[in-house]
Protein backbone atom coordinates (compact mmCIF):
# COMPACT_ATOMS: atom_id res chain seq x y z
CA UNK A 1 117.25 141.29 93.22
CA UNK A 2 117.82 138.85 90.33
CA UNK A 3 118.05 135.87 92.68
CA UNK A 4 114.86 136.88 94.48
CA UNK A 5 113.03 137.41 91.18
CA UNK A 6 114.18 134.09 89.77
CA UNK A 7 113.23 132.31 92.98
CA UNK A 8 109.78 133.87 92.67
CA UNK A 9 109.56 132.70 89.02
CA UNK A 10 110.35 129.14 90.10
CA UNK A 11 107.68 129.35 92.80
CA UNK A 12 105.11 130.77 90.37
CA UNK A 13 105.84 128.17 87.69
CA UNK A 14 105.52 125.36 90.24
CA UNK A 15 102.22 126.68 91.61
CA UNK A 16 100.52 127.96 88.42
CA UNK A 17 99.94 126.89 84.85
CA UNK A 18 101.63 129.81 83.10
CA UNK A 19 101.23 129.79 79.32
CA UNK A 20 102.85 133.08 78.24
CA UNK A 21 105.54 135.52 79.24
CA UNK A 22 102.79 138.11 79.70
CA UNK A 23 101.05 135.90 82.29
CA UNK A 24 104.37 135.47 84.09
CA UNK A 25 104.98 139.24 83.97
CA UNK A 26 101.51 139.89 85.47
CA UNK A 27 102.12 137.44 88.32
CA UNK A 28 105.55 138.94 89.00
CA UNK A 29 104.09 142.46 89.02
CA UNK A 30 101.43 141.35 91.53
CA UNK A 31 104.26 139.91 93.65
CA UNK A 32 106.05 143.27 93.64
CA UNK A 33 108.60 142.75 90.86
CA UNK A 34 108.74 145.38 88.11
CA UNK A 35 110.03 143.49 85.05
CA UNK A 36 110.38 143.98 81.32
CA UNK A 37 109.74 141.40 78.62
CA UNK A 38 113.50 141.22 77.96
CA UNK A 39 114.19 140.45 81.63
CA UNK A 40 111.57 137.70 81.66
CA UNK A 41 112.95 136.23 78.45
CA UNK A 42 116.47 136.19 79.92
CA UNK A 43 115.22 134.64 83.19
CA UNK A 44 113.34 131.92 81.26
CA UNK A 45 116.53 131.05 79.39
CA UNK A 46 118.74 131.10 82.52
CA UNK A 47 116.28 129.01 84.53
CA UNK A 48 115.92 126.54 81.64
CA UNK A 49 112.15 126.86 81.55
CA UNK A 50 110.40 125.08 78.71
CA UNK A 51 106.81 124.65 77.61
CA UNK A 52 104.92 121.39 77.67
CA UNK A 53 101.32 120.50 76.90
CA UNK A 54 99.14 120.45 79.99
CA UNK A 55 96.28 118.06 80.67
CA UNK A 56 93.85 120.60 79.20
CA UNK A 57 95.83 120.92 75.95
CA UNK A 58 97.20 124.37 76.83
CA UNK A 59 100.93 124.95 76.97
CA UNK A 60 102.58 125.75 80.30
CA UNK A 61 106.08 126.51 81.52
CA UNK A 62 107.96 123.89 83.50
CA UNK A 63 111.48 123.77 84.91
CA UNK A 64 113.86 121.33 83.26
CA UNK A 65 115.45 119.63 86.24
CA UNK A 66 117.50 116.98 84.54
CA UNK A 67 119.00 116.87 81.06
CA UNK A 68 119.08 113.07 81.07
CA UNK A 69 115.70 112.04 79.70
CA UNK A 70 114.12 109.21 81.62
CA UNK A 71 116.30 109.57 84.71
CA UNK A 72 113.54 111.34 86.65
CA UNK A 73 111.17 108.56 85.57
CA UNK A 74 113.48 106.01 87.21
CA UNK A 75 113.50 107.96 90.48
CA UNK A 76 109.71 108.24 90.39
CA UNK A 77 109.43 104.50 89.74
CA UNK A 78 111.59 103.77 92.81
CA UNK A 79 109.42 106.14 94.85
CA UNK A 80 106.24 104.42 93.63
CA UNK A 81 107.61 100.90 94.15
CA UNK A 82 108.74 101.57 97.72
CA UNK A 83 105.96 103.86 98.91
CA UNK A 84 103.33 102.65 101.41
CA UNK A 85 102.04 105.81 103.11
CA UNK A 86 102.96 109.29 104.34
CA UNK A 87 101.96 111.65 107.08
CA UNK A 88 103.18 115.02 108.29
CA UNK A 89 104.30 116.55 111.55
CA UNK A 90 104.66 120.29 110.98
CA UNK A 91 107.55 120.56 108.46
CA UNK A 92 108.49 116.86 108.51
CA UNK A 93 106.97 114.32 106.15
CA UNK A 94 107.21 110.75 107.43
CA UNK A 95 107.08 108.26 104.57
CA UNK A 96 106.53 104.56 105.29
CA UNK A 97 108.09 102.24 102.72
CA UNK A 98 108.38 98.57 101.92
CA UNK A 99 110.93 97.03 104.30
CA UNK A 100 114.46 97.72 103.05
CA UNK A 101 113.37 100.40 100.54
CA UNK A 102 113.65 103.55 102.66
CA UNK A 103 117.22 104.37 101.56
CA UNK A 104 116.31 104.03 97.87
CA UNK A 105 113.17 106.16 98.30
CA UNK A 106 115.14 108.84 100.18
CA UNK A 107 117.83 108.87 97.48
CA UNK A 108 115.11 109.20 94.82
CA UNK A 109 113.52 112.13 96.65
CA UNK A 110 116.90 113.85 96.90
CA UNK A 111 117.59 113.26 93.19
CA UNK A 112 114.20 114.66 92.13
CA UNK A 113 115.12 118.04 93.69
CA UNK A 114 111.57 118.80 94.80
CA UNK A 115 111.29 122.45 95.76
CA UNK A 116 110.92 122.84 99.52
CA UNK A 117 112.64 119.60 100.52
CA UNK A 118 115.85 120.29 102.43
CA UNK A 119 116.86 116.65 102.81
CA UNK A 120 115.85 113.15 103.80
CA UNK A 121 116.95 110.66 106.46
CA UNK A 122 116.21 106.97 105.94
CA UNK A 123 115.97 103.94 108.15
CA UNK A 124 114.83 100.49 107.02
CA UNK A 125 111.17 101.25 106.26
CA UNK A 126 110.81 104.93 107.16
CA UNK A 127 111.98 108.16 105.54
CA UNK A 128 111.94 111.48 107.37
CA UNK A 129 111.75 114.24 104.79
CA UNK A 130 112.51 117.72 106.13
CA UNK A 131 110.62 120.53 104.39
CA UNK A 132 111.77 124.14 104.57
CA UNK A 133 108.55 125.54 106.07
CA UNK A 134 105.32 124.24 107.57
CA UNK A 135 103.39 125.96 104.78
CA UNK A 136 105.33 124.15 102.03
CA UNK A 137 104.75 120.72 103.58
CA UNK A 138 101.25 120.35 102.12
CA UNK A 139 102.38 121.34 98.61
CA UNK A 140 105.31 118.91 98.79
CA UNK A 141 102.92 116.13 99.86
CA UNK A 142 100.60 117.01 96.97
CA UNK A 143 103.56 116.81 94.56
CA UNK A 144 104.58 113.43 95.99
CA UNK A 145 100.99 112.20 95.61
CA UNK A 146 101.06 113.25 91.95
CA UNK A 147 104.26 111.28 91.40
CA UNK A 148 102.93 108.24 93.23
CA UNK A 149 99.56 108.25 91.47
CA UNK A 150 100.90 108.84 87.94
CA UNK A 151 99.88 105.99 85.66
CA UNK A 152 102.42 106.56 82.86
CA UNK A 153 105.50 105.40 84.74
């Protein structure tokens, strides 16, 4: 039950801009989880959720994926530097890269721990990224597009 609830919290935080514990509780209730404020508070602590300022100035929860500040930025930079294009075939994302960069891009994708990605296989200029379900493929591609099109890195 706890694992299922926490998995749902991760999914909700990744898909929604959640500003308060009350908003999270409402979304969990709609998803069929009966939770108390104490349970949500404990889950937030265990999942290492933190709040950051969103583009609109509102706060939102995010998942801290890496304690080493800047390390994720390096992986995103490698992804951006090597990326040429991507396309999908059901639950597989095919990423074309600069010649010789596929292994580095695949390693970066693995290190970023993007929800839904099961793993990557790299050649010289192509990465095959396996996504858990067909439905998650679009959201993974949207996340990759956000990384690639970010100006700050």
